[in-house]
Amino acid sequence: MSHQSVLCVVNVQHNCAAHACDTQGQTSVYEEHERTTHMKPRTRHFVPEDIMLNMAQMHDAIHVQRFRIATNALDRDHAIMLGAKSKVEAQKQKQAKNAKPGQQSSKSTGLSSLARPVVTLST
């Protein structure tokens, strides 16, 4: 194959986490195209065909677009509301966990958890 027939270079990543790949192998270290006596660990991939195409910074992505998995569009307003609701609930849980016995809750004071100032003191 000639270098003129290459359309683009791609980067693939192996799914090592799912297959518990290890570094039990050894390979030689090369310096200035010469093999040295030094050795370094070599990754053993147990399911080598489980790879992902990394298109994060591809300049020539047009050549591999047909392999892309289509994603569903997000409803932006819904996503923002879910995120805000999650933050409010986390703050309420944190306040309930840290509340001292007999301390008034935000419901009894009429203040929302977002309206009260939070002060952090460092020692």
PDB file of N, CA and C in Angstrom:
ATOM      1  N   MET A   1       0.848  -1.166   0.000  1.00  0.00           N
ATOM      2  CA  MET A   1       0.000   0.000   0.000  1.00  0.00           C
ATOM      3  C   MET A   1       0.902   1.240   0.000  1.00  0.00           C
ATOM      4  N   SER A   2       0.583   2.179  -0.823  1.00  0.00           N
ATOM      5  CA  SER A   2       1.382   3.403  -0.884  1.00  0.00           C
ATOM      6  C   SER A   2       0.831   4.433   0.097  1.00  0.00           C
ATOM      7  N   HIS A   3       1.659   5.372   0.497  1.00  0.00           N
ATOM      8  CA  HIS A   3       1.220   6.409   1.423  1.00  0.00           C
ATOM      9  C   HIS A   3       0.170   7.321   0.798  1.00  0.00           C
ATOM     10  N   GLN A   4       0.084   7.370  -0.516  1.00  0.00           N
ATOM     11  CA  GLN A   4      -0.925   8.209  -1.169  1.00  0.00           C
ATOM     12  C   GLN A   4      -2.328   7.628  -1.057  1.00  0.00           C
ATOM     13  N   SER A   5      -2.449   6.338  -0.755  1.00  0.00           N
ATOM     14  CA  SER A   5      -3.769   5.727  -0.631  1.00  0.00           C
ATOM     15  C   SER A   5      -4.356   5.876   0.776  1.00  0.00           C
ATOM     16  N   VAL A   6      -3.592   6.430   1.700  1.00  0.00           N
ATOM     17  CA  VAL A   6      -4.087   6.641   3.062  1.00  0.00           C
ATOM     18  C   VAL A   6      -4.933   7.919   3.084  1.00  0.00           C
ATOM     19  N   LEU A   7      -6.201   7.792   3.516  1.00  0.00           N
ATOM     20  CA  LEU A   7      -7.099   8.943   3.578  1.00  0.00           C
ATOM     21  C   LEU A   7      -6.908   9.753   4.849  1.00  0.00           C
ATOM     22  N   CYS A   8      -6.782   9.060   5.979  1.00  0.00           N
ATOM     23  CA  CYS A   8      -6.608   9.753   7.255  1.00  0.00           C
ATOM     24  C   CYS A   8      -6.064   8.763   8.272  1.00  0.00           C
ATOM     25  N   VAL A   9      -5.572   9.304   9.356  1.00  0.00           N
ATOM     26  CA  VAL A   9      -5.064   8.504  10.463  1.00  0.00           C
ATOM     27  C   VAL A   9      -6.124   8.534  11.550  1.00  0.00           C
ATOM     28  N   VAL A  10      -6.388   7.390  12.164  1.00  0.00           N
ATOM     29  CA  VAL A  10      -7.369   7.324  13.244  1.00  0.00           C
ATOM     30  C   VAL A  10      -6.697   6.852  14.517  1.00  0.00           C
ATOM     31  N   ASN A  11      -7.338   7.153  15.635  1.00  0.00           N
ATOM     32  CA  ASN A  11      -6.858   6.732  16.937  1.00  0.00           C
ATOM     33  C   ASN A  11      -7.910   5.821  17.535  1.00  0.00           C
ATOM     34  N   VAL A  12      -7.516   4.622  17.930  1.00  0.00           N
ATOM     35  CA  VAL A  12      -8.449   3.699  18.567  1.00  0.00           C
ATOM     36  C   VAL A  12      -7.982   3.424  19.988  1.00  0.00           C
ATOM     37  N   GLN A  13      -8.949   3.251  20.862  1.00  0.00           N
ATOM     38  CA  GLN A  13      -8.680   2.951  22.268  1.00  0.00           C
ATOM     39  C   GLN A  13      -9.279   1.589  22.585  1.00  0.00           C
ATOM     40  N   HIS A  14      -8.532   0.780  23.332  1.00  0.00           N
ATOM     41  CA  HIS A  14      -9.035  -0.522  23.740  1.00  0.00           C
ATOM     42  C   HIS A  14      -9.798  -0.389  25.056  1.00  0.00           C
ATOM     43  N   ASN A  15     -10.829  -1.193  25.220  1.00  0.00           N
ATOM     44  CA  ASN A  15     -11.657  -1.169  26.424  1.00  0.00           C
ATOM     45  C   ASN A  15     -11.032  -2.067  27.498  1.00  0.00           C
ATOM     46  N   CYS A  16      -9.873  -1.644  28.007  1.00  0.00           N
ATOM     47  CA  CYS A  16      -9.125  -2.439  28.993  1.00  0.00           C
ATOM     48  C   CYS A  16      -9.901  -2.634  30.297  1.00  0.00           C
ATOM     49  N   ALA A  17     -10.637  -1.632  30.729  1.00  0.00           N
ATOM     50  CA  ALA A  17     -11.357  -1.720  31.998  1.00  0.00           C
ATOM     51  C   ALA A  17     -12.370  -2.859  31.993  1.00  0.00           C
ATOM     52  N   ALA A  18     -13.059  -3.058  30.894  1.00  0.00           N
ATOM     53  CA  ALA A  18     -14.080  -4.101  30.817  1.00  0.00           C
ATOM     54  C   ALA A  18     -13.478  -5.495  30.742  1.00  0.00           C
ATOM     55  N   HIS A  19     -12.235  -5.604  30.295  1.00  0.00           N
ATOM     56  CA  HIS A  19     -11.636  -6.922  30.076  1.00  0.00           C
ATOM     57  C   HIS A  19     -10.469  -7.226  31.003  1.00  0.00           C
ATOM     58  N   ALA A  20     -10.229  -6.367  31.983  1.00  0.00           N
ATOM     59  CA  ALA A  20      -9.168  -6.564  32.980  1.00  0.00           C
ATOM     60  C   ALA A  20      -7.817  -6.849  32.326  1.00  0.00           C
ATOM     61  N   CYS A  21      -7.464  -6.043  31.338  1.00  0.00           N
ATOM     62  CA  CYS A  21      -6.162  -6.195  30.692  1.00  0.00           C
ATOM     63  C   CYS A  21      -5.073  -5.880  31.718  1.00  0.00           C
ATOM     64  N   ASP A  22      -3.901  -6.479  31.548  1.00  0.00           N
ATOM     65  CA  ASP A  22      -2.822  -6.252  32.512  1.00  0.00           C
ATOM     66  C   ASP A  22      -1.515  -5.905  31.812  1.00  0.00           C
ATOM     67  N   THR A  23      -0.501  -5.675  32.605  1.00  0.00           N
ATOM     68  CA  THR A  23       0.818  -5.335  32.063  1.00  0.00           C
ATOM     69  C   THR A  23       1.838  -6.394  32.473  1.00  0.00           C
ATOM     70  N   GLN A  24       1.465  -7.652  32.327  1.00  0.00           N
ATOM     71  CA  GLN A  24       2.352  -8.751  32.691  1.00  0.00           C
ATOM     72  C   GLN A  24       3.430  -9.001  31.641  1.00  0.00           C
ATOM     73  N   GLY A  25       3.186  -8.571  30.422  1.00  0.00           N
ATOM     74  CA  GLY A  25       4.170  -8.788  29.364  1.00  0.00           C
ATOM     75  C   GLY A  25       5.339  -7.818  29.475  1.00  0.00           C
ATOM     76  N   GLN A  26       6.395  -8.081  28.721  1.00  0.00           N
ATOM     77  CA  GLN A  26       7.587  -7.236  28.690  1.00  0.00           C
ATOM     78  C   GLN A  26       7.942  -6.941  27.240  1.00  0.00           C
ATOM     79  N   THR A  27       8.496  -5.768  27.006  1.00  0.00           N
ATOM     80  CA  THR A  27       8.963  -5.416  25.670  1.00  0.00           C
ATOM     81  C   THR A  27      10.242  -4.594  25.799  1.00  0.00           C
ATOM     82  N   SER A  28      11.044  -4.610  24.767  1.00  0.00           N
ATOM     83  CA  SER A  28      12.310  -3.878  24.776  1.00  0.00           C
ATOM     84  C   SER A  28      12.075  -2.379  24.639  1.00  0.00           C
ATOM     85  N   VAL A  29      12.985  -1.619  25.218  1.00  0.00           N
ATOM     86  CA  VAL A  29      12.966  -0.167  25.076  1.00  0.00           C
ATOM     87  C   VAL A  29      13.897   0.182  23.921  1.00  0.00           C
ATOM     88  N   TYR A  30      13.400   1.052  23.025  1.00  0.00           N
ATOM     89  CA  TYR A  30      14.211   1.502  21.891  1.00  0.00           C
ATOM     90  C   TYR A  30      14.659   2.936  22.129  1.00  0.00           C
ATOM     91  N   GLU A  31      15.901   3.207  21.802  1.00  0.00           N
ATOM     92  CA  GLU A  31      16.425   4.566  21.862  1.00  0.00           C
ATOM     93  C   GLU A  31      17.091   4.871  20.533  1.00  0.00           C
ATOM     94  N   GLU A  32      16.647   5.909  19.878  1.00  0.00           N
ATOM     95  CA  GLU A  32      17.155   6.308  18.565  1.00  0.00           C
ATOM     96  C   GLU A  32      17.169   5.125  17.596  1.00  0.00           C
ATOM     97  N   HIS A  33      16.062   4.431  17.512  1.00  0.00           N
ATOM     98  CA  HIS A  33      15.826   3.298  16.604  1.00  0.00           C
ATOM     99  C   HIS A  33      16.682   2.076  16.900  1.00  0.00           C
ATOM    100  N   GLU A  34      17.320   2.040  18.061  1.00  0.00           N
ATOM    101  CA  GLU A  34      18.153   0.904  18.456  1.00  0.00           C
ATOM    102  C   GLU A  34      17.550   0.243  19.686  1.00  0.00           C
ATOM    103  N   ARG A  35      17.449  -1.089  19.656  1.00  0.00           N
ATOM    104  CA  ARG A  35      16.933  -1.811  20.811  1.00  0.00           C
ATOM    105  C   ARG A  35      17.982  -1.807  21.912  1.00  0.00           C
ATOM    106  N   THR A  36      17.534  -1.515  23.128  1.00  0.00           N
ATOM    107  CA  THR A  36      18.438  -1.528  24.280  1.00  0.00           C
ATOM    108  C   THR A  36      18.179  -2.782  25.099  1.00  0.00           C
ATOM    109  N   THR A  37      18.962  -2.989  26.132  1.00  0.00           N
ATOM    110  CA  THR A  37      18.748  -4.137  27.022  1.00  0.00           C
ATOM    111  C   THR A  37      17.673  -3.838  28.063  1.00  0.00           C
ATOM    112  N   HIS A  38      17.223  -2.599  28.121  1.00  0.00           N
ATOM    113  CA  HIS A  38      16.181  -2.213  29.079  1.00  0.00           C
ATOM    114  C   HIS A  38      14.828  -2.775  28.627  1.00  0.00           C
ATOM    115  N   MET A  39      14.018  -3.114  29.607  1.00  0.00           N
ATOM    116  CA  MET A  39      12.686  -3.647  29.334  1.00  0.00           C
ATOM    117  C   MET A  39      11.646  -2.759  30.014  1.00  0.00           C
ATOM    118  N   LYS A  40      10.434  -2.776  29.457  1.00  0.00           N
ATOM    119  CA  LYS A  40       9.315  -2.050  30.064  1.00  0.00           C
ATOM    120  C   LYS A  40       8.078  -2.947  29.993  1.00  0.00           C
ATOM    121  N   PRO A  41       7.094  -2.679  30.862  1.00  0.00           N
ATOM    122  CA  PRO A  41       5.876  -3.500  30.847  1.00  0.00           C
ATOM    123  C   PRO A  41       5.136  -3.359  29.519  1.00  0.00           C
ATOM    124  N   ARG A  42       4.485  -4.423  29.115  1.00  0.00           N
ATOM    125  CA  ARG A  42       3.686  -4.415  27.882  1.00  0.00           C
ATOM    126  C   ARG A  42       2.265  -4.839  28.232  1.00  0.00           C
ATOM    127  N   THR A  43       1.299  -4.099  27.744  1.00  0.00           N
ATOM    128  CA  THR A  43      -0.104  -4.392  28.037  1.00  0.00           C
ATOM    129  C   THR A  43      -0.565  -5.621  27.265  1.00  0.00           C
ATOM    130  N   ARG A  44      -1.231  -6.527  27.987  1.00  0.00           N
ATOM    131  CA  ARG A  44      -1.857  -7.689  27.351  1.00  0.00           C
ATOM    132  C   ARG A  44      -3.349  -7.398  27.247  1.00  0.00           C
ATOM    133  N   HIS A  45      -3.865  -7.345  26.015  1.00  0.00           N
ATOM    134  CA  HIS A  45      -5.291  -7.120  25.783  1.00  0.00           C
ATOM    135  C   HIS A  45      -5.964  -8.480  25.612  1.00  0.00           C
ATOM    136  N   PHE A  46      -6.939  -8.773  26.469  1.00  0.00           N
ATOM    137  CA  PHE A  46      -7.578 -10.082  26.442  1.00  0.00           C
ATOM    138  C   PHE A  46      -8.667 -10.214  25.387  1.00  0.00           C
ATOM    139  N   VAL A  47      -9.280  -9.141  24.967  1.00  0.00           N
ATOM    140  CA  VAL A  47     -10.248  -9.152  23.867  1.00  0.00           C
ATOM    141  C   VAL A  47      -9.822  -8.030  22.926  1.00  0.00           C
ATOM    142  N   PRO A  48      -8.796  -8.262  22.112  1.00  0.00           N
ATOM    143  CA  PRO A  48      -8.208  -7.174  21.325  1.00  0.00           C
ATOM    144  C   PRO A  48      -9.148  -6.522  20.320  1.00  0.00           C
ATOM    145  N   GLU A  49     -10.210  -7.193  19.925  1.00  0.00           N
ATOM    146  CA  GLU A  49     -11.110  -6.592  18.933  1.00  0.00           C
ATOM    147  C   GLU A  49     -12.117  -5.616  19.538  1.00  0.00           C
ATOM    148  N   ASP A  50     -12.166  -5.490  20.882  1.00  0.00           N
ATOM    149  CA  ASP A  50     -13.082  -4.548  21.525  1.00  0.00           C
ATOM    150  C   ASP A  50     -12.405  -3.181  21.604  1.00  0.00           C
ATOM    151  N   ILE A  51     -12.502  -2.431  20.524  1.00  0.00           N
ATOM    152  CA  ILE A  51     -11.861  -1.118  20.443  1.00  0.00           C
ATOM    153  C   ILE A  51     -12.894  -0.044  20.128  1.00  0.00           C
ATOM    154  N   MET A  52     -12.549   1.179  20.488  1.00  0.00           N
ATOM    155  CA  MET A  52     -13.423   2.317  20.221  1.00  0.00           C
ATOM    156  C   MET A  52     -12.661   3.318  19.367  1.00  0.00           C
ATOM    157  N   LEU A  53     -13.335   3.851  18.398  1.00  0.00           N
ATOM    158  CA  LEU A  53     -12.740   4.863  17.549  1.00  0.00           C
ATOM    159  C   LEU A  53     -12.804   6.199  18.274  1.00  0.00           C
ATOM    160  N   ASN A  54     -11.654   6.803  18.517  1.00  0.00           N
ATOM    161  CA  ASN A  54     -11.571   8.081  19.221  1.00  0.00           C
ATOM    162  C   ASN A  54     -11.639   9.196  18.188  1.00  0.00           C
ATOM    163  N   MET A  55     -12.787   9.875  18.122  1.00  0.00           N
ATOM    164  CA  MET A  55     -12.975  10.936  17.134  1.00  0.00           C
ATOM    165  C   MET A  55     -12.951  12.317  17.781  1.00  0.00           C
ATOM    166  N   ALA A  56     -12.488  12.406  19.014  1.00  0.00           N
ATOM    167  CA  ALA A  56     -12.540  13.666  19.747  1.00  0.00           C
ATOM    168  C   ALA A  56     -11.782  14.790  19.056  1.00  0.00           C
ATOM    169  N   GLN A  57     -10.629  14.505  18.484  1.00  0.00           N
ATOM    170  CA  GLN A  57      -9.839  15.569  17.888  1.00  0.00           C
ATOM    171  C   GLN A  57      -9.421  15.227  16.466  1.00  0.00           C
ATOM    172  N   MET A  58     -10.287  14.549  15.769  1.00  0.00           N
ATOM    173  CA  MET A  58      -9.957  14.172  14.396  1.00  0.00           C
ATOM    174  C   MET A  58     -10.195  15.329  13.447  1.00  0.00           C
ATOM    175  N   HIS A  59      -9.199  15.647  12.675  1.00  0.00           N
ATOM    176  CA  HIS A  59      -9.323  16.712  11.691  1.00  0.00           C
ATOM    177  C   HIS A  59      -9.944  16.189  10.393  1.00  0.00           C
ATOM    178  N   ASP A  60      -9.808  14.900  10.148  1.00  0.00           N
ATOM    179  CA  ASP A  60     -10.333  14.289   8.928  1.00  0.00           C
ATOM    180  C   ASP A  60     -11.523  13.383   9.225  1.00  0.00           C
ATOM    181  N   ALA A  61     -12.371  13.767  10.174  1.00  0.00           N
ATOM    182  CA  ALA A  61     -13.479  12.920  10.611  1.00  0.00           C
ATOM    183  C   ALA A  61     -14.467  12.617   9.489  1.00  0.00           C
ATOM    184  N   ILE A  62     -14.494  13.433   8.471  1.00  0.00           N
ATOM    185  CA  ILE A  62     -15.440  13.207   7.378  1.00  0.00           C
ATOM    186  C   ILE A  62     -15.268  11.823   6.746  1.00  0.00           C
ATOM    187  N   HIS A  63     -14.057  11.284   6.809  1.00  0.00           N
ATOM    188  CA  HIS A  63     -13.783   9.988   6.195  1.00  0.00           C
ATOM    189  C   HIS A  63     -14.343   8.814   6.997  1.00  0.00           C
ATOM    190  N   VAL A  64     -14.644   9.031   8.270  1.00  0.00           N
ATOM    191  CA  VAL A  64     -15.129   7.934   9.107  1.00  0.00           C
ATOM    192  C   VAL A  64     -16.519   8.209   9.695  1.00  0.00           C
ATOM    193  N   GLN A  65     -17.193   9.245   9.248  1.00  0.00           N
ATOM    194  CA  GLN A  65     -18.514   9.588   9.767  1.00  0.00           C
ATOM    195  C   GLN A  65     -19.520   8.452   9.619  1.00  0.00           C
ATOM    196  N   ARG A  66     -19.377   7.641   8.602  1.00  0.00           N
ATOM    197  CA  ARG A  66     -20.356   6.562   8.399  1.00  0.00           C
ATOM    198  C   ARG A  66     -20.307   5.520   9.515  1.00  0.00           C
ATOM    199  N   PHE A  67     -19.237   5.512  10.327  1.00  0.00           N
ATOM    200  CA  PHE A  67     -19.121   4.569  11.439  1.00  0.00           C
ATOM    201  C   PHE A  67     -19.665   5.147  12.744  1.00  0.00           C
ATOM    202  N   ARG A  68     -20.059   6.400  12.730  1.00  0.00           N
ATOM    203  CA  ARG A  68     -20.543   7.080  13.924  1.00  0.00           C
ATOM    204  C   ARG A  68     -21.895   6.529  14.348  1.00  0.00           C
ATOM    205  N   ILE A  69     -22.071   6.372  15.643  1.00  0.00           N
ATOM    206  CA  ILE A  69     -23.352   5.940  16.202  1.00  0.00           C
ATOM    207  C   ILE A  69     -24.167   7.194  16.485  1.00  0.00           C
ATOM    208  N   ALA A  70     -25.343   7.265  15.920  1.00  0.00           N
ATOM    209  CA  ALA A  70     -26.199   8.441  16.103  1.00  0.00           C
ATOM    210  C   ALA A  70     -26.662   8.524  17.553  1.00  0.00           C
ATOM    211  N   THR A  71     -26.706   9.737  18.082  1.00  0.00           N
ATOM    212  CA  THR A  71     -27.181   9.948  19.448  1.00  0.00           C
ATOM    213  C   THR A  71     -28.503  10.697  19.415  1.00  0.00           C
ATOM    214  N   ASN A  72     -29.279  10.514  20.449  1.00  0.00           N
ATOM    215  CA  ASN A  72     -30.554  11.211  20.563  1.00  0.00           C
ATOM    216  C   ASN A  72     -30.296  12.640  21.015  1.00  0.00           C
ATOM    217  N   ALA A  73     -31.036  13.568  20.459  1.00  0.00           N
ATOM    218  CA  ALA A  73     -30.908  14.970  20.861  1.00  0.00           C
ATOM    219  C   ALA A  73     -31.475  15.144  22.262  1.00  0.00           C
ATOM    220  N   LEU A  74     -30.827  15.984  23.063  1.00  0.00           N
ATOM    221  CA  LEU A  74     -31.296  16.256  24.415  1.00  0.00           C
ATOM    222  C   LEU A  74     -32.267  17.428  24.415  1.00  0.00           C
ATOM    223  N   ASP A  75     -33.252  17.350  25.293  1.00  0.00           N
ATOM    224  CA  ASP A  75     -34.143  18.482  25.537  1.00  0.00           C
ATOM    225  C   ASP A  75     -33.409  19.364  26.538  1.00  0.00           C
ATOM    226  N   ARG A  76     -32.876  20.491  26.081  1.00  0.00           N
ATOM    227  CA  ARG A  76     -32.023  21.346  26.900  1.00  0.00           C
ATOM    228  C   ARG A  76     -32.729  21.821  28.165  1.00  0.00           C
ATOM    229  N   ASP A  77     -33.957  22.285  28.036  1.00  0.00           N
ATOM    230  CA  ASP A  77     -34.686  22.781  29.209  1.00  0.00           C
ATOM    231  C   ASP A  77     -34.887  21.677  30.242  1.00  0.00           C
ATOM    232  N   HIS A  78     -35.229  20.486  29.769  1.00  0.00           N
ATOM    233  CA  HIS A  78     -35.430  19.348  30.669  1.00  0.00           C
ATOM    234  C   HIS A  78     -34.121  18.992  31.375  1.00  0.00           C
ATOM    235  N   ALA A  79     -33.020  18.982  30.644  1.00  0.00           N
ATOM    236  CA  ALA A  79     -31.714  18.657  31.223  1.00  0.00           C
ATOM    237  C   ALA A  79     -31.318  19.679  32.289  1.00  0.00           C
ATOM    238  N   ILE A  80     -31.573  20.956  32.038  1.00  0.00           N
ATOM    239  CA  ILE A  80     -31.248  22.008  33.010  1.00  0.00           C
ATOM    240  C   ILE A  80     -32.089  21.836  34.269  1.00  0.00           C
ATOM    241  N   MET A  81     -33.381  21.555  34.105  1.00  0.00           N
ATOM    242  CA  MET A  81     -34.260  21.361  35.260  1.00  0.00           C
ATOM    243  C   MET A  81     -33.835  20.155  36.084  1.00  0.00           C
ATOM    244  N   LEU A  82     -33.468  19.053  35.419  1.00  0.00           N
ATOM    245  CA  LEU A  82     -33.017  17.867  36.148  1.00  0.00           C
ATOM    246  C   LEU A  82     -31.744  18.161  36.930  1.00  0.00           C
ATOM    247  N   GLY A  83     -30.817  18.866  36.314  1.00  0.00           N
ATOM    248  CA  GLY A  83     -29.579  19.218  36.994  1.00  0.00           C
ATOM    249  C   GLY A  83     -29.811  20.107  38.192  1.00  0.00           C
ATOM    250  N   ALA A  84     -30.674  21.112  38.041  1.00  0.00           N
ATOM    251  CA  ALA A  84     -30.981  22.021  39.140  1.00  0.00           C
ATOM    252  C   ALA A  84     -31.682  21.277  40.276  1.00  0.00           C
ATOM    253  N   LYS A  85     -32.623  20.415  39.932  1.00  0.00           N
ATOM    254  CA  LYS A  85     -33.349  19.644  40.939  1.00  0.00           C
ATOM    255  C   LYS A  85     -32.385  18.739  41.713  1.00  0.00           C
ATOM    256  N   SER A  86     -31.468  18.130  41.017  1.00  0.00           N
ATOM    257  CA  SER A  86     -30.483  17.265  41.654  1.00  0.00           C
ATOM    258  C   SER A  86     -29.605  18.041  42.636  1.00  0.00           C
ATOM    259  N   LYS A  87     -29.173  19.233  42.241  1.00  0.00           N
ATOM    260  CA  LYS A  87     -28.354  20.075  43.115  1.00  0.00           C
ATOM    261  C   LYS A  87     -29.121  20.484  44.369  1.00  0.00           C
ATOM    262  N   VAL A  88     -30.381  20.895  44.209  1.00  0.00           N
ATOM    263  CA  VAL A  88     -31.202  21.311  45.343  1.00  0.00           C
ATOM    264  C   VAL A  88     -31.399  20.142  46.304  1.00  0.00           C
ATOM    265  N   GLU A  89     -31.706  18.962  45.765  1.00  0.00           N
ATOM    266  CA  GLU A  89     -31.917  17.782  46.618  1.00  0.00           C
ATOM    267  C   GLU A  89     -30.641  17.407  47.365  1.00  0.00           C
ATOM    268  N   ALA A  90     -29.495  17.488  46.698  1.00  0.00           N
ATOM    269  CA  ALA A  90     -28.217  17.178  47.344  1.00  0.00           C
ATOM    270  C   ALA A  90     -27.935  18.161  48.469  1.00  0.00           C
ATOM    271  N   GLN A  91     -28.228  19.429  48.237  1.00  0.00           N
ATOM    272  CA  GLN A  91     -28.024  20.448  49.276  1.00  0.00           C
ATOM    273  C   GLN A  91     -28.938  20.185  50.459  1.00  0.00           C
ATOM    274  N   LYS A  92     -30.197  19.831  50.210  1.00  0.00           N
ATOM    275  CA  LYS A  92     -31.140  19.534  51.296  1.00  0.00           C
ATOM    276  C   LYS A  92     -30.673  18.333  52.108  1.00  0.00           C
ATOM    277  N   GLN A  93     -30.196  17.294  51.440  1.00  0.00           N
ATOM    278  CA  GLN A  93     -29.711  16.102  52.141  1.00  0.00           C
ATOM    279  C   GLN A  93     -28.485  16.433  52.992  1.00  0.00           C
ATOM    280  N   LYS A  94     -27.608  17.258  52.458  1.00  0.00           N
ATOM    281  CA  LYS A  94     -26.413  17.652  53.192  1.00  0.00           C
ATOM    282  C   LYS A  94     -26.795  18.445  54.434  1.00  0.00           C
ATOM    283  N   GLN A  95     -27.755  19.355  54.292  1.00  0.00           N
ATOM    284  CA  GLN A  95     -28.188  20.168  55.431  1.00  0.00           C
ATOM    285  C   GLN A  95     -28.887  19.306  56.476  1.00  0.00           C
ATOM    286  N   ALA A  96     -29.701  18.352  56.031  1.00  0.00           N
ATOM    287  CA  ALA A  96     -30.397  17.471  56.973  1.00  0.00           C
ATOM    288  C   ALA A  96     -29.392  16.598  57.726  1.00  0.00           C
ATOM    289  N   LYS A  97     -28.365  16.159  57.058  1.00  0.00           N
ATOM    290  CA  LYS A  97     -27.341  15.314  57.670  1.00  0.00           C
ATOM    291  C   LYS A  97     -26.548  16.101  58.712  1.00  0.00           C
ATOM    292  N   ASN A  98     -26.290  17.371  58.431  1.00  0.00           N
ATOM    293  CA  ASN A  98     -25.480  18.197  59.324  1.00  0.00           C
ATOM    294  C   ASN A  98     -26.300  18.952  60.373  1.00  0.00           C
ATOM    295  N   ALA A  99     -27.624  18.834  60.322  1.00  0.00           N
ATOM    296  CA  ALA A  99     -28.482  19.564  61.259  1.00  0.00           C
ATOM    297  C   ALA A  99     -28.307  19.009  62.671  1.00  0.00           C
ATOM    298  N   LYS A 100     -28.239  19.917  63.642  1.00  0.00           N
ATOM    299  CA  LYS A 100     -28.126  19.523  65.049  1.00  0.00           C
ATOM    300  C   LYS A 100     -29.526  19.290  65.587  1.00  0.00           C
ATOM    301  N   PRO A 101     -29.665  18.388  66.570  1.00  0.00           N
ATOM    302  CA  PRO A 101     -30.994  18.157  67.163  1.00  0.00           C
ATOM    303  C   PRO A 101     -31.560  19.453  67.735  1.00  0.00           C
ATOM    304  N   GLY A 102     -32.831  19.723  67.462  1.00  0.00           N
ATOM    305  CA  GLY A 102     -33.502  20.915  67.957  1.00  0.00           C
ATOM    306  C   GLY A 102     -33.302  22.128  67.063  1.00  0.00           C
ATOM    307  N   GLN A 103     -32.478  22.011  66.036  1.00  0.00           N
ATOM    308  CA  GLN A 103     -32.234  23.138  65.120  1.00  0.00           C
ATOM    309  C   GLN A 103     -33.412  23.257  64.162  1.00  0.00           C
ATOM    310  N   GLN A 104     -33.815  24.499  63.859  1.00  0.00           N
ATOM    311  CA  GLN A 104     -34.929  24.707  62.947  1.00  0.00           C
ATOM    312  C   GLN A 104     -34.495  24.367  61.530  1.00  0.00           C
ATOM    313  N   SER A 105     -35.396  23.731  60.780  1.00  0.00           N
ATOM    314  CA  SER A 105     -35.104  23.440  59.386  1.00  0.00           C
ATOM    315  C   SER A 105     -35.500  24.624  58.525  1.00  0.00           C
ATOM    316  N   SER A 106     -35.115  24.607  57.268  1.00  0.00           N
ATOM    317  CA  SER A 106     -35.446  25.709  56.371  1.00  0.00           C
ATOM    318  C   SER A 106     -36.950  25.802  56.143  1.00  0.00           C
ATOM    319  N   LYS A 107     -37.679  24.676  56.286  1.00  0.00           N
ATOM    320  CA  LYS A 107     -39.132  24.716  56.096  1.00  0.00           C
ATOM    321  C   LYS A 107     -39.794  25.530  57.206  1.00  0.00           C
ATOM    322  N   SER A 108     -39.305  25.356  58.441  1.00  0.00           N
ATOM    323  CA  SER A 108     -39.947  26.061  59.539  1.00  0.00           C
ATOM    324  C   SER A 108     -39.600  27.543  59.549  1.00  0.00           C
ATOM    325  N   THR A 109     -38.491  27.930  58.959  1.00  0.00           N
ATOM    326  CA  THR A 109     -38.122  29.339  58.910  1.00  0.00           C
ATOM    327  C   THR A 109     -38.718  30.019  57.693  1.00  0.00           C
ATOM    328  N   GLY A 110     -39.195  29.229  56.726  1.00  0.00           N
ATOM    329  CA  GLY A 110     -39.773  29.803  55.526  1.00  0.00           C
ATOM    330  C   GLY A 110     -38.738  30.173  54.467  1.00  0.00           C
ATOM    331  N   LEU A 111     -37.456  29.897  54.722  1.00  0.00           N
ATOM    332  CA  LEU A 111     -36.415  30.192  53.745  1.00  0.00           C
ATOM    333  C   LEU A 111     -36.125  28.961  52.909  1.00  0.00           C
ATOM    334  N   SER A 112     -35.915  29.172  51.646  1.00  0.00           N
ATOM    335  CA  SER A 112     -35.527  28.028  50.816  1.00  0.00           C
ATOM    336  C   SER A 112     -34.056  27.752  51.043  1.00  0.00           C
ATOM    337  N   SER A 113     -33.616  26.535  50.725  1.00  0.00           N
ATOM    338  CA  SER A 113     -32.213  26.172  50.938  1.00  0.00           C
ATOM    339  C   SER A 113     -31.290  27.004  50.072  1.00  0.00           C
ATOM    340  N   LEU A 114     -31.792  27.559  48.974  1.00  0.00           N
ATOM    341  CA  LEU A 114     -30.952  28.359  48.094  1.00  0.00           C
ATOM    342  C   LEU A 114     -30.882  29.814  48.539  1.00  0.00           C
ATOM    343  N   ALA A 115     -31.829  30.257  49.390  1.00  0.00           N
ATOM    344  CA  ALA A 115     -31.871  31.652  49.794  1.00  0.00           C
ATOM    345  C   ALA A 115     -30.977  31.933  50.992  1.00  0.00           C
ATOM    346  N   ARG A 116     -30.620  30.916  51.752  1.00  0.00           N
ATOM    347  CA  ARG A 116     -29.802  31.124  52.939  1.00  0.00           C
ATOM    348  C   ARG A 116     -28.333  31.243  52.562  1.00  0.00           C
ATOM    349  N   PRO A 117     -27.612  32.168  53.180  1.00  0.00           N
ATOM    350  CA  PRO A 117     -26.188  32.282  52.887  1.00  0.00           C
ATOM    351  C   PRO A 117     -25.438  31.107  53.501  1.00  0.00           C
ATOM    352  N   VAL A 118     -24.415  30.667  52.814  1.00  0.00           N
ATOM    353  CA  VAL A 118     -23.562  29.585  53.307  1.00  0.00           C
ATOM    354  C   VAL A 118     -22.215  30.189  53.633  1.00  0.00           C
ATOM    355  N   VAL A 119     -21.754  29.997  54.871  1.00  0.00           N
ATOM    356  CA  VAL A 119     -20.476  30.538  55.301  1.00  0.00           C
ATOM    357  C   VAL A 119     -19.572  29.371  55.645  1.00  0.00           C
ATOM    358  N   THR A 120     -18.376  29.364  55.095  1.00  0.00           N
ATOM    359  CA  THR A 120     -17.395  28.331  55.390  1.00  0.00           C
ATOM    360  C   THR A 120     -16.225  28.981  56.108  1.00  0.00           C
ATOM    361  N   LEU A 121     -15.877  28.464  57.260  1.00  0.00           N
ATOM    362  CA  LEU A 121     -14.753  28.982  58.017  1.00  0.00           C
ATOM    363  C   LEU A 121     -13.602  28.011  57.926  1.00  0.00           C
ATOM    364  N   SER A 122     -12.435  28.504  57.651  1.00  0.00           N
ATOM    365  CA  SER A 122     -11.265  27.633  57.627  1.00  0.00           C
ATOM    366  C   SER A 122     -10.382  27.976  58.800  1.00  0.00           C
ATOM    367  N   THR A 123      -9.738  26.945  59.340  1.00  0.00           N
ATOM    368  CA  THR A 123      -8.884  27.157  60.515  1.00  0.00           C
ATOM    369  C   THR A 123      -7.435  27.050  60.136  1.00  0.00           C
TER     370      THR A 123
END
